[in-house]
Amino acid sequence: MTKNREQQPSRIPQLSSREEEARWFDTHDMADYQDEFKPVKARFAKNLSKGITIRLDQDTLEALRAYAHERGLGPTTVIRMWVLERLKEQRQASSEQHPQPRPPHQRSAPGAA
């Protein structure tokens, strides 16, 4: 970055919303503005997911692999999707069977219709 560039105002406009920023960045080539960017140090969180091992018989494993392959996915991705879907269904079913009691300020008065 040259001293001249540091003294000139930025060619990147100040925009008032994320949507405006997204539109502007989508329609401009950042290579044209590379001299205006400063390097930053970024730290990323480690993968917070944990692994689990399951045992499947050969036929089930082959069927899973074929199913995943047909969809362009890995077998572990398919399993993860299925588990998340099933847990969501279970949570919904559980909340319908056992609704949470309403707080006193949201309950209707005794004798009220």
PDB file of N, CA and C in Angstrom:
ATOM      1  N   MET A   1       0.854  -1.170   0.000  1.00  0.00           N
ATOM      2  CA  MET A   1       0.000   0.000   0.000  1.00  0.00           C
ATOM      3  C   MET A   1       0.899   1.231   0.000  1.00  0.00           C
ATOM      4  N   THR A   2       0.660   2.156  -0.908  1.00  0.00           N
ATOM      5  CA  THR A   2       1.502   3.341  -1.009  1.00  0.00           C
ATOM      6  C   THR A   2       0.975   4.436  -0.104  1.00  0.00           C
ATOM      7  N   LYS A   3       1.852   5.393   0.151  1.00  0.00           N
ATOM      8  CA  LYS A   3       1.453   6.513   1.002  1.00  0.00           C
ATOM      9  C   LYS A   3       0.326   7.310   0.347  1.00  0.00           C
ATOM     10  N   ASN A   4       0.377   7.473  -0.981  1.00  0.00           N
ATOM     11  CA  ASN A   4      -0.691   8.165  -1.700  1.00  0.00           C
ATOM     12  C   ASN A   4      -2.041   7.503  -1.464  1.00  0.00           C
ATOM     13  N   ARG A   5      -2.065   6.188  -1.541  1.00  0.00           N
ATOM     14  CA  ARG A   5      -3.320   5.445  -1.385  1.00  0.00           C
ATOM     15  C   ARG A   5      -3.885   5.638   0.019  1.00  0.00           C
ATOM     16  N   GLU A   6      -3.014   5.707   1.030  1.00  0.00           N
ATOM     17  CA  GLU A   6      -3.471   5.877   2.408  1.00  0.00           C
ATOM     18  C   GLU A   6      -4.152   7.226   2.612  1.00  0.00           C
ATOM     19  N   GLN A   7      -3.738   8.245   1.869  1.00  0.00           N
ATOM     20  CA  GLN A   7      -4.285   9.582   2.064  1.00  0.00           C
ATOM     21  C   GLN A   7      -5.566   9.808   1.268  1.00  0.00           C
ATOM     22  N   GLN A   8      -5.840   8.976   0.282  1.00  0.00           N
ATOM     23  CA  GLN A   8      -7.038   9.143  -0.529  1.00  0.00           C
ATOM     24  C   GLN A   8      -8.227   8.478   0.162  1.00  0.00           C
ATOM     25  N   PRO A   9      -9.408   9.042  -0.033  1.00  0.00           N
ATOM     26  CA  PRO A   9     -10.592   8.402   0.552  1.00  0.00           C
ATOM     27  C   PRO A   9     -10.860   7.053  -0.125  1.00  0.00           C
ATOM     28  N   SER A  10     -11.521   6.210   0.594  1.00  0.00           N
ATOM     29  CA  SER A  10     -11.828   4.876   0.082  1.00  0.00           C
ATOM     30  C   SER A  10     -12.792   4.955  -1.096  1.00  0.00           C
ATOM     31  N   ARG A  11     -12.567   4.100  -2.067  1.00  0.00           N
ATOM     32  CA  ARG A  11     -13.490   4.007  -3.200  1.00  0.00           C
ATOM     33  C   ARG A  11     -14.652   3.070  -2.875  1.00  0.00           C
ATOM     34  N   ILE A  12     -14.571   2.393  -1.743  1.00  0.00           N
ATOM     35  CA  ILE A  12     -15.652   1.511  -1.314  1.00  0.00           C
ATOM     36  C   ILE A  12     -16.634   2.355  -0.511  1.00  0.00           C
ATOM     37  N   PRO A  13     -17.879   2.465  -0.955  1.00  0.00           N
ATOM     38  CA  PRO A  13     -18.829   3.360  -0.286  1.00  0.00           C
ATOM     39  C   PRO A  13     -19.268   2.840   1.080  1.00  0.00           C
ATOM     40  N   GLN A  14     -19.659   3.778   1.932  1.00  0.00           N
ATOM     41  CA  GLN A  14     -20.285   3.425   3.208  1.00  0.00           C
ATOM     42  C   GLN A  14     -21.757   3.165   2.907  1.00  0.00           C
ATOM     43  N   LEU A  15     -22.215   1.969   3.189  1.00  0.00           N
ATOM     44  CA  LEU A  15     -23.595   1.605   2.877  1.00  0.00           C
ATOM     45  C   LEU A  15     -24.379   1.434   4.166  1.00  0.00           C
ATOM     46  N   SER A  16     -25.690   1.622   4.082  1.00  0.00           N
ATOM     47  CA  SER A  16     -26.489   1.691   5.305  1.00  0.00           C
ATOM     48  C   SER A  16     -27.072   0.362   5.769  1.00  0.00           C
ATOM     49  N   SER A  17     -26.960  -0.680   4.960  1.00  0.00           N
ATOM     50  CA  SER A  17     -27.522  -1.959   5.401  1.00  0.00           C
ATOM     51  C   SER A  17     -26.697  -3.113   4.840  1.00  0.00           C
ATOM     52  N   ARG A  18     -26.847  -4.258   5.454  1.00  0.00           N
ATOM     53  CA  ARG A  18     -26.155  -5.463   4.967  1.00  0.00           C
ATOM     54  C   ARG A  18     -26.618  -5.820   3.556  1.00  0.00           C
ATOM     55  N   GLU A  19     -27.904  -5.584   3.283  1.00  0.00           N
ATOM     56  CA  GLU A  19     -28.437  -5.890   1.963  1.00  0.00           C
ATOM     57  C   GLU A  19     -27.770  -5.021   0.898  1.00  0.00           C
ATOM     58  N   GLU A  20     -27.617  -3.721   1.185  1.00  0.00           N
ATOM     59  CA  GLU A  20     -26.933  -2.828   0.243  1.00  0.00           C
ATOM     60  C   GLU A  20     -25.478  -3.263   0.058  1.00  0.00           C
ATOM     61  N   GLU A  21     -24.821  -3.610   1.163  1.00  0.00           N
ATOM     62  CA  GLU A  21     -23.437  -4.071   1.074  1.00  0.00           C
ATOM     63  C   GLU A  21     -23.342  -5.324   0.211  1.00  0.00           C
ATOM     64  N   ALA A  22     -24.248  -6.260   0.430  1.00  0.00           N
ATOM     65  CA  ALA A  22     -24.228  -7.508  -0.338  1.00  0.00           C
ATOM     66  C   ALA A  22     -24.406  -7.217  -1.825  1.00  0.00           C
ATOM     67  N   ARG A  23     -25.363  -6.336  -2.162  1.00  0.00           N
ATOM     68  CA  ARG A  23     -25.577  -5.998  -3.576  1.00  0.00           C
ATOM     69  C   ARG A  23     -24.334  -5.344  -4.170  1.00  0.00           C
ATOM     70  N   TRP A  24     -23.720  -4.429  -3.424  1.00  0.00           N
ATOM     71  CA  TRP A  24     -22.545  -3.728  -3.938  1.00  0.00           C
ATOM     72  C   TRP A  24     -21.396  -4.713  -4.167  1.00  0.00           C
ATOM     73  N   PHE A  25     -21.116  -5.561  -3.165  1.00  0.00           N
ATOM     74  CA  PHE A  25     -20.012  -6.503  -3.305  1.00  0.00           C
ATOM     75  C   PHE A  25     -20.301  -7.554  -4.373  1.00  0.00           C
ATOM     76  N   ASP A  26     -21.570  -7.881  -4.591  1.00  0.00           N
ATOM     77  CA  ASP A  26     -21.925  -8.845  -5.640  1.00  0.00           C
ATOM     78  C   ASP A  26     -21.702  -8.279  -7.037  1.00  0.00           C
ATOM     79  N   THR A  27     -21.710  -6.962  -7.168  1.00  0.00           N
ATOM     80  CA  THR A  27     -21.612  -6.349  -8.495  1.00  0.00           C
ATOM     81  C   THR A  27     -20.272  -5.676  -8.758  1.00  0.00           C
ATOM     82  N   HIS A  28     -19.314  -5.847  -7.871  1.00  0.00           N
ATOM     83  CA  HIS A  28     -17.994  -5.246  -8.062  1.00  0.00           C
ATOM     84  C   HIS A  28     -16.909  -6.303  -7.890  1.00  0.00           C
ATOM     85  N   ASP A  29     -15.851  -6.169  -8.660  1.00  0.00           N
ATOM     86  CA  ASP A  29     -14.728  -7.103  -8.593  1.00  0.00           C
ATOM     87  C   ASP A  29     -13.759  -6.622  -7.517  1.00  0.00           C
ATOM     88  N   MET A  30     -13.573  -7.426  -6.491  1.00  0.00           N
ATOM     89  CA  MET A  30     -12.722  -7.024  -5.373  1.00  0.00           C
ATOM     90  C   MET A  30     -11.259  -6.869  -5.779  1.00  0.00           C
ATOM     91  N   ALA A  31     -10.860  -7.468  -6.880  1.00  0.00           N
ATOM     92  CA  ALA A  31      -9.483  -7.298  -7.356  1.00  0.00           C
ATOM     93  C   ALA A  31      -9.211  -5.827  -7.672  1.00  0.00           C
ATOM     94  N   ASP A  32     -10.250  -5.092  -8.062  1.00  0.00           N
ATOM     95  CA  ASP A  32     -10.092  -3.667  -8.363  1.00  0.00           C
ATOM     96  C   ASP A  32      -9.874  -2.826  -7.107  1.00  0.00           C
ATOM     97  N   TYR A  33     -10.142  -3.394  -5.939  1.00  0.00           N
ATOM     98  CA  TYR A  33     -10.064  -2.653  -4.679  1.00  0.00           C
ATOM     99  C   TYR A  33      -9.052  -3.277  -3.719  1.00  0.00           C
ATOM    100  N   GLN A  34      -8.255  -4.187  -4.221  1.00  0.00           N
ATOM    101  CA  GLN A  34      -7.340  -4.953  -3.372  1.00  0.00           C
ATOM    102  C   GLN A  34      -6.399  -4.059  -2.568  1.00  0.00           C
ATOM    103  N   ASP A  35      -5.995  -2.937  -3.127  1.00  0.00           N
ATOM    104  CA  ASP A  35      -5.069  -2.050  -2.424  1.00  0.00           C
ATOM    105  C   ASP A  35      -5.719  -1.352  -1.229  1.00  0.00           C
ATOM    106  N   GLU A  36      -7.030  -1.450  -1.075  1.00  0.00           N
ATOM    107  CA  GLU A  36      -7.712  -0.812   0.050  1.00  0.00           C
ATOM    108  C   GLU A  36      -7.912  -1.746   1.240  1.00  0.00           C
ATOM    109  N   PHE A  37      -7.633  -3.012   1.059  1.00  0.00           N
ATOM    110  CA  PHE A  37      -7.844  -3.979   2.134  1.00  0.00           C
ATOM    111  C   PHE A  37      -6.604  -4.105   2.997  1.00  0.00           C
ATOM    112  N   LYS A  38      -6.830  -4.363   4.267  1.00  0.00           N
ATOM    113  CA  LYS A  38      -5.735  -4.589   5.204  1.00  0.00           C
ATOM    114  C   LYS A  38      -5.798  -6.038   5.663  1.00  0.00           C
ATOM    115  N   PRO A  39      -4.651  -6.663   5.851  1.00  0.00           N
ATOM    116  CA  PRO A  39      -4.677  -8.040   6.360  1.00  0.00           C
ATOM    117  C   PRO A  39      -5.208  -8.062   7.795  1.00  0.00           C
ATOM    118  N   VAL A  40      -5.946  -9.093   8.115  1.00  0.00           N
ATOM    119  CA  VAL A  40      -6.448  -9.274   9.473  1.00  0.00           C
ATOM    120  C   VAL A  40      -6.114 -10.678   9.936  1.00  0.00           C
ATOM    121  N   LYS A  41      -6.001 -10.826  11.238  1.00  0.00           N
ATOM    122  CA  LYS A  41      -5.804 -12.150  11.810  1.00  0.00           C
ATOM    123  C   LYS A  41      -7.163 -12.644  12.265  1.00  0.00           C
ATOM    124  N   ALA A  42      -7.493 -13.850  11.882  1.00  0.00           N
ATOM    125  CA  ALA A  42      -8.781 -14.430  12.265  1.00  0.00           C
ATOM    126  C   ALA A  42      -8.546 -15.758  12.960  1.00  0.00           C
ATOM    127  N   ARG A  43      -9.319 -15.985  13.997  1.00  0.00           N
ATOM    128  CA  ARG A  43      -9.263 -17.270  14.696  1.00  0.00           C
ATOM    129  C   ARG A  43     -10.609 -17.948  14.509  1.00  0.00           C
ATOM    130  N   PHE A  44     -10.562 -19.189  14.148  1.00  0.00           N
ATOM    131  CA  PHE A  44     -11.786 -19.939  13.904  1.00  0.00           C
ATOM    132  C   PHE A  44     -11.946 -21.006  14.967  1.00  0.00           C
ATOM    133  N   ALA A  45     -13.177 -21.213  15.362  1.00  0.00           N
ATOM    134  CA  ALA A  45     -13.464 -22.243  16.359  1.00  0.00           C
ATOM    135  C   ALA A  45     -13.155 -23.611  15.771  1.00  0.00           C
ATOM    136  N   LYS A  46     -12.678 -24.478  16.621  1.00  0.00           N
ATOM    137  CA  LYS A  46     -12.447 -25.846  16.188  1.00  0.00           C
ATOM    138  C   LYS A  46     -13.792 -26.496  15.910  1.00  0.00           C
ATOM    139  N   ASN A  47     -13.747 -27.557  15.133  1.00  0.00           N
ATOM    140  CA  ASN A  47     -14.964 -28.307  14.858  1.00  0.00           C
ATOM    141  C   ASN A  47     -15.529 -28.795  16.188  1.00  0.00           C
ATOM    142  N   LEU A  48     -16.728 -28.369  16.503  1.00  0.00           N
ATOM    143  CA  LEU A  48     -17.318 -28.686  17.795  1.00  0.00           C
ATOM    144  C   LEU A  48     -18.111 -29.989  17.781  1.00  0.00           C
ATOM    145  N   SER A  49     -18.202 -30.629  16.621  1.00  0.00           N
ATOM    146  CA  SER A  49     -18.948 -31.887  16.576  1.00  0.00           C
ATOM    147  C   SER A  49     -18.069 -33.032  17.069  1.00  0.00           C
ATOM    148  N   LYS A  50     -18.713 -34.051  17.558  1.00  0.00           N
ATOM    149  CA  LYS A  50     -18.024 -35.233  18.076  1.00  0.00           C
ATOM    150  C   LYS A  50     -18.375 -36.424  17.202  1.00  0.00           C
ATOM    151  N   GLY A  51     -17.511 -37.409  17.189  1.00  0.00           N
ATOM    152  CA  GLY A  51     -17.743 -38.611  16.403  1.00  0.00           C
ATOM    153  C   GLY A  51     -18.417 -39.698  17.219  1.00  0.00           C
ATOM    154  N   ILE A  52     -19.048 -40.622  16.517  1.00  0.00           N
ATOM    155  CA  ILE A  52     -19.669 -41.777  17.144  1.00  0.00           C
ATOM    156  C   ILE A  52     -19.472 -42.954  16.190  1.00  0.00           C
ATOM    157  N   THR A  53     -19.334 -44.129  16.738  1.00  0.00           N
ATOM    158  CA  THR A  53     -19.169 -45.328  15.924  1.00  0.00           C
ATOM    159  C   THR A  53     -20.422 -46.179  16.028  1.00  0.00           C
ATOM    160  N   ILE A  54     -20.925 -46.626  14.885  1.00  0.00           N
ATOM    161  CA  ILE A  54     -22.048 -47.564  14.893  1.00  0.00           C
ATOM    162  C   ILE A  54     -21.659 -48.780  14.058  1.00  0.00           C
ATOM    163  N   ARG A  55     -22.219 -49.898  14.408  1.00  0.00           N
ATOM    164  CA  ARG A  55     -21.943 -51.129  13.669  1.00  0.00           C
ATOM    165  C   ARG A  55     -23.172 -51.493  12.854  1.00  0.00           C
ATOM    166  N   LEU A  56     -22.955 -51.764  11.563  1.00  0.00           N
ATOM    167  CA  LEU A  56     -24.030 -52.160  10.665  1.00  0.00           C
ATOM    168  C   LEU A  56     -23.631 -53.450   9.965  1.00  0.00           C
ATOM    169  N   ASP A  57     -24.624 -54.287   9.690  1.00  0.00           N
ATOM    170  CA  ASP A  57     -24.302 -55.499   8.936  1.00  0.00           C
ATOM    171  C   ASP A  57     -23.949 -55.108   7.500  1.00  0.00           C
ATOM    172  N   GLN A  58     -23.301 -56.003   6.781  1.00  0.00           N
ATOM    173  CA  GLN A  58     -22.779 -55.717   5.450  1.00  0.00           C
ATOM    174  C   GLN A  58     -23.877 -55.260   4.483  1.00  0.00           C
ATOM    175  N   ASP A  59     -25.027 -55.935   4.483  1.00  0.00           N
ATOM    176  CA  ASP A  59     -26.110 -55.567   3.564  1.00  0.00           C
ATOM    177  C   ASP A  59     -26.620 -54.155   3.841  1.00  0.00           C
ATOM    178  N   THR A  60     -26.783 -53.830   5.116  1.00  0.00           N
ATOM    179  CA  THR A  60     -27.260 -52.491   5.484  1.00  0.00           C
ATOM    180  C   THR A  60     -26.249 -51.435   5.070  1.00  0.00           C
ATOM    181  N   LEU A  61     -24.976 -51.703   5.312  1.00  0.00           N
ATOM    182  CA  LEU A  61     -23.928 -50.752   4.948  1.00  0.00           C
ATOM    183  C   LEU A  61     -23.880 -50.540   3.436  1.00  0.00           C
ATOM    184  N   GLU A  62     -23.992 -51.606   2.674  1.00  0.00           N
ATOM    185  CA  GLU A  62     -23.986 -51.481   1.212  1.00  0.00           C
ATOM    186  C   GLU A  62     -25.200 -50.697   0.725  1.00  0.00           C
ATOM    187  N   ALA A  63     -26.360 -50.960   1.314  1.00  0.00           N
ATOM    188  CA  ALA A  63     -27.572 -50.220   0.941  1.00  0.00           C
ATOM    189  C   ALA A  63     -27.421 -48.736   1.278  1.00  0.00           C
ATOM    190  N   LEU A  64     -26.854 -48.446   2.437  1.00  0.00           N
ATOM    191  CA  LEU A  64     -26.619 -47.058   2.842  1.00  0.00           C
ATOM    192  C   LEU A  64     -25.679 -46.367   1.864  1.00  0.00           C
ATOM    193  N   ARG A  65     -24.587 -47.030   1.531  1.00  0.00           N
ATOM    194  CA  ARG A  65     -23.619 -46.438   0.593  1.00  0.00           C
ATOM    195  C   ARG A  65     -24.257 -46.184  -0.772  1.00  0.00           C
ATOM    196  N   ALA A  66     -25.058 -47.136  -1.252  1.00  0.00           N
ATOM    197  CA  ALA A  66     -25.725 -46.962  -2.547  1.00  0.00           C
ATOM    198  C   ALA A  66     -26.704 -45.787  -2.493  1.00  0.00           C
ATOM    199  N   TYR A  67     -27.482 -45.726  -1.426  1.00  0.00           N
ATOM    200  CA  TYR A  67     -28.445 -44.639  -1.244  1.00  0.00           C
ATOM    201  C   TYR A  67     -27.718 -43.289  -1.244  1.00  0.00           C
ATOM    202  N   ALA A  68     -26.647 -43.201  -0.473  1.00  0.00           N
ATOM    203  CA  ALA A  68     -25.882 -41.954  -0.383  1.00  0.00           C
ATOM    204  C   ALA A  68     -25.278 -41.596  -1.740  1.00  0.00           C
ATOM    205  N   HIS A  69     -24.710 -42.584  -2.426  1.00  0.00           N
ATOM    206  CA  HIS A  69     -24.067 -42.348  -3.722  1.00  0.00           C
ATOM    207  C   HIS A  69     -25.070 -41.802  -4.743  1.00  0.00           C
ATOM    208  N   GLU A  70     -26.285 -42.357  -4.753  1.00  0.00           N
ATOM    209  CA  GLU A  70     -27.330 -41.894  -5.678  1.00  0.00           C
ATOM    210  C   GLU A  70     -27.635 -40.414  -5.476  1.00  0.00           C
ATOM    211  N   ARG A  71     -27.427 -39.933  -4.268  1.00  0.00           N
ATOM    212  CA  ARG A  71     -27.738 -38.542  -3.948  1.00  0.00           C
ATOM    213  C   ARG A  71     -26.503 -37.648  -3.928  1.00  0.00           C
ATOM    214  N   GLY A  72     -25.358 -38.218  -4.248  1.00  0.00           N
ATOM    215  CA  GLY A  72     -24.129 -37.429  -4.265  1.00  0.00           C
ATOM    216  C   GLY A  72     -23.643 -37.050  -2.881  1.00  0.00           C
ATOM    217  N   LEU A  73     -23.957 -37.887  -1.902  1.00  0.00           N
ATOM    218  CA  LEU A  73     -23.578 -37.618  -0.513  1.00  0.00           C
ATOM    219  C   LEU A  73     -22.728 -38.755   0.017  1.00  0.00           C
ATOM    220  N   GLY A  74     -22.068 -38.490   1.110  1.00  0.00           N
ATOM    221  CA  GLY A  74     -21.360 -39.543   1.810  1.00  0.00           C
ATOM    222  C   GLY A  74     -22.307 -40.242   2.769  1.00  0.00           C
ATOM    223  N   PRO A  75     -22.020 -41.489   3.106  1.00  0.00           N
ATOM    224  CA  PRO A  75     -22.906 -42.213   4.017  1.00  0.00           C
ATOM    225  C   PRO A  75     -23.028 -41.558   5.388  1.00  0.00           C
ATOM    226  N   THR A  76     -21.954 -40.980   5.897  1.00  0.00           N
ATOM    227  CA  THR A  76     -22.057 -40.342   7.213  1.00  0.00           C
ATOM    228  C   THR A  76     -22.948 -39.101   7.156  1.00  0.00           C
ATOM    229  N   THR A  77     -22.932 -38.402   6.025  1.00  0.00           N
ATOM    230  CA  THR A  77     -23.814 -37.243   5.868  1.00  0.00           C
ATOM    231  C   THR A  77     -25.269 -37.682   5.885  1.00  0.00           C
ATOM    232  N   VAL A  78     -25.571 -38.778   5.187  1.00  0.00           N
ATOM    233  CA  VAL A  78     -26.939 -39.298   5.168  1.00  0.00           C
ATOM    234  C   VAL A  78     -27.371 -39.689   6.575  1.00  0.00           C
ATOM    235  N   ILE A  79     -26.517 -40.405   7.286  1.00  0.00           N
ATOM    236  CA  ILE A  79     -26.852 -40.813   8.655  1.00  0.00           C
ATOM    237  C   ILE A  79     -27.110 -39.590   9.530  1.00  0.00           C
ATOM    238  N   ARG A  80     -26.240 -38.589   9.423  1.00  0.00           N
ATOM    239  CA  ARG A  80     -26.399 -37.372  10.233  1.00  0.00           C
ATOM    240  C   ARG A  80     -27.733 -36.689   9.908  1.00  0.00           C
ATOM    241  N   MET A  81     -28.071 -36.599   8.621  1.00  0.00           N
ATOM    242  CA  MET A  81     -29.344 -35.985   8.225  1.00  0.00           C
ATOM    243  C   MET A  81     -30.518 -36.762   8.812  1.00  0.00           C
ATOM    244  N   TRP A  82     -30.468 -38.085   8.719  1.00  0.00           N
ATOM    245  CA  TRP A  82     -31.555 -38.913   9.243  1.00  0.00           C
ATOM    246  C   TRP A  82     -31.704 -38.754  10.752  1.00  0.00           C
ATOM    247  N   VAL A  83     -30.586 -38.746  11.454  1.00  0.00           N
ATOM    248  CA  VAL A  83     -30.640 -38.611  12.917  1.00  0.00           C
ATOM    249  C   VAL A  83     -31.239 -37.259  13.295  1.00  0.00           C
ATOM    250  N   LEU A  84     -30.791 -36.194  12.640  1.00  0.00           N
ATOM    251  CA  LEU A  84     -31.316 -34.862  12.954  1.00  0.00           C
ATOM    252  C   LEU A  84     -32.807 -34.763  12.640  1.00  0.00           C
ATOM    253  N   GLU A  85     -33.226 -35.335  11.505  1.00  0.00           N
ATOM    254  CA  GLU A  85     -34.649 -35.324  11.163  1.00  0.00           C
ATOM    255  C   GLU A  85     -35.469 -36.073  12.212  1.00  0.00           C
ATOM    256  N   ARG A  86     -34.995 -37.238  12.603  1.00  0.00           N
ATOM    257  CA  ARG A  86     -35.727 -38.062  13.572  1.00  0.00           C
ATOM    258  C   ARG A  86     -35.801 -37.370  14.936  1.00  0.00           C
ATOM    259  N   LEU A  87     -34.714 -36.763  15.368  1.00  0.00           N
ATOM    260  CA  LEU A  87     -34.730 -36.047  16.644  1.00  0.00           C
ATOM    261  C   LEU A  87     -35.714 -34.883  16.609  1.00  0.00           C
ATOM    262  N   LYS A  88     -35.765 -34.186  15.484  1.00  0.00           N
ATOM    263  CA  LYS A  88     -36.717 -33.080  15.341  1.00  0.00           C
ATOM    264  C   LYS A  88     -38.148 -33.601  15.442  1.00  0.00           C
ATOM    265  N   GLU A  89     -38.430 -34.716  14.748  1.00  0.00           N
ATOM    266  CA  GLU A  89     -39.765 -35.321  14.819  1.00  0.00           C
ATOM    267  C   GLU A  89     -40.104 -35.719  16.253  1.00  0.00           C
ATOM    268  N   GLN A  90     -39.151 -36.308  16.943  1.00  0.00           N
ATOM    269  CA  GLN A  90     -39.383 -36.747  18.319  1.00  0.00           C
ATOM    270  C   GLN A  90     -39.660 -35.562  19.233  1.00  0.00           C
ATOM    271  N   ARG A  91     -38.908 -34.488  19.069  1.00  0.00           N
ATOM    272  CA  ARG A  91     -39.126 -33.293  19.891  1.00  0.00           C
ATOM    273  C   ARG A  91     -40.517 -32.717  19.650  1.00  0.00           C
ATOM    274  N   GLN A  92     -40.912 -32.668  18.369  1.00  0.00           N
ATOM    275  CA  GLN A  92     -42.237 -32.132  18.046  1.00  0.00           C
ATOM    276  C   GLN A  92     -43.331 -33.012  18.630  1.00  0.00           C
ATOM    277  N   ALA A  93     -43.191 -34.326  18.485  1.00  0.00           N
ATOM    278  CA  ALA A  93     -44.192 -35.251  19.022  1.00  0.00           C
ATOM    279  C   ALA A  93     -44.256 -35.149  20.541  1.00  0.00           C
ATOM    280  N   SER A  94     -43.105 -35.031  21.165  1.00  0.00           N
ATOM    281  CA  SER A  94     -43.049 -34.935  22.619  1.00  0.00           C
ATOM    282  C   SER A  94     -43.708 -33.649  23.111  1.00  0.00           C
ATOM    283  N   SER A  95     -43.459 -32.547  22.419  1.00  0.00           N
ATOM    284  CA  SER A  95     -44.046 -31.274  22.860  1.00  0.00           C
ATOM    285  C   SER A  95     -45.552 -31.259  22.637  1.00  0.00           C
ATOM    286  N   GLU A  96     -46.048 -32.015  21.638  1.00  0.00           N
ATOM    287  CA  GLU A  96     -47.492 -32.096  21.419  1.00  0.00           C
ATOM    288  C   GLU A  96     -48.156 -32.973  22.480  1.00  0.00           C
ATOM    289  N   GLN A  97     -47.467 -34.027  22.915  1.00  0.00           N
ATOM    290  CA  GLN A  97     -48.021 -34.926  23.921  1.00  0.00           C
ATOM    291  C   GLN A  97     -47.924 -34.346  25.322  1.00  0.00           C
ATOM    292  N   HIS A  98     -46.887 -33.575  25.561  1.00  0.00           N
ATOM    293  CA  HIS A  98     -46.637 -33.014  26.891  1.00  0.00           C
ATOM    294  C   HIS A  98     -46.417 -31.511  26.773  1.00  0.00           C
ATOM    295  N   PRO A  99     -47.481 -30.755  26.512  1.00  0.00           N
ATOM    296  CA  PRO A  99     -47.293 -29.304  26.372  1.00  0.00           C
ATOM    297  C   PRO A  99     -46.793 -28.696  27.677  1.00  0.00           C
ATOM    298  N   GLN A 100     -45.974 -27.683  27.526  1.00  0.00           N
ATOM    299  CA  GLN A 100     -45.438 -26.982  28.689  1.00  0.00           C
ATOM    300  C   GLN A 100     -46.552 -26.175  29.347  1.00  0.00           C
ATOM    301  N   PRO A 101     -46.630 -26.179  30.685  1.00  0.00           N
ATOM    302  CA  PRO A 101     -47.656 -25.365  31.354  1.00  0.00           C
ATOM    303  C   PRO A 101     -47.413 -23.885  31.080  1.00  0.00           C
ATOM    304  N   ARG A 102     -48.509 -23.154  30.931  1.00  0.00           N
ATOM    305  CA  ARG A 102     -48.380 -21.723  30.684  1.00  0.00           C
ATOM    306  C   ARG A 102     -48.071 -21.007  31.985  1.00  0.00           C
ATOM    307  N   PRO A 103     -47.285 -19.952  31.929  1.00  0.00           N
ATOM    308  CA  PRO A 103     -47.011 -19.160  33.131  1.00  0.00           C
ATOM    309  C   PRO A 103     -48.307 -18.568  33.666  1.00  0.00           C
ATOM    310  N   PRO A 104     -48.376 -18.304  34.986  1.00  0.00           N
ATOM    311  CA  PRO A 104     -49.616 -17.787  35.598  1.00  0.00           C
ATOM    312  C   PRO A 104     -50.173 -16.553  34.902  1.00  0.00           C
ATOM    313  N   HIS A 105     -49.318 -15.648  34.441  1.00  0.00           N
ATOM    314  CA  HIS A 105     -49.825 -14.423  33.825  1.00  0.00           C
ATOM    315  C   HIS A 105     -50.469 -14.679  32.462  1.00  0.00           C
ATOM    316  N   GLN A 106     -50.291 -15.894  31.889  1.00  0.00           N
ATOM    317  CA  GLN A 106     -50.908 -16.211  30.605  1.00  0.00           C
ATOM    318  C   GLN A 106     -52.129 -17.116  30.755  1.00  0.00           C
ATOM    319  N   ARG A 107     -52.405 -17.567  31.962  1.00  0.00           N
ATOM    320  CA  ARG A 107     -53.560 -18.438  32.191  1.00  0.00           C
ATOM    321  C   ARG A 107     -54.829 -17.601  32.265  1.00  0.00           C
ATOM    322  N   SER A 108     -55.942 -18.220  31.855  1.00  0.00           N
ATOM    323  CA  SER A 108     -57.216 -17.503  31.958  1.00  0.00           C
ATOM    324  C   SER A 108     -57.700 -17.554  33.404  1.00  0.00           C
ATOM    325  N   ALA A 109     -58.462 -16.559  33.780  1.00  0.00           N
ATOM    326  CA  ALA A 109     -58.983 -16.474  35.151  1.00  0.00           C
ATOM    327  C   ALA A 109     -60.007 -17.576  35.371  1.00  0.00           C
ATOM    328  N   PRO A 110     -60.116 -18.103  36.608  1.00  0.00           N
ATOM    329  CA  PRO A 110     -61.119 -19.136  36.892  1.00  0.00           C
ATOM    330  C   PRO A 110     -62.507 -18.634  36.544  1.00  0.00           C
ATOM    331  N   GLY A 111     -63.291 -19.481  35.897  1.00  0.00           N
ATOM    332  CA  GLY A 111     -64.651 -19.123  35.536  1.00  0.00           C
ATOM    333  C   GLY A 111     -64.746 -18.334  34.243  1.00  0.00           C
ATOM    334  N   ALA A 112     -63.615 -17.929  33.669  1.00  0.00           N
ATOM    335  CA  ALA A 112     -63.646 -17.182  32.409  1.00  0.00           C
ATOM    336  C   ALA A 112     -63.824 -18.159  31.264  1.00  0.00           C
ATOM    337  N   ALA A 113     -64.537 -17.751  30.248  1.00  0.00           N
ATOM    338  CA  ALA A 113     -64.789 -18.642  29.117  1.00  0.00           C
ATOM    339  C   ALA A 113     -63.709 -18.558  28.094  1.00  0.00           C
TER     340      ALA A 113
END
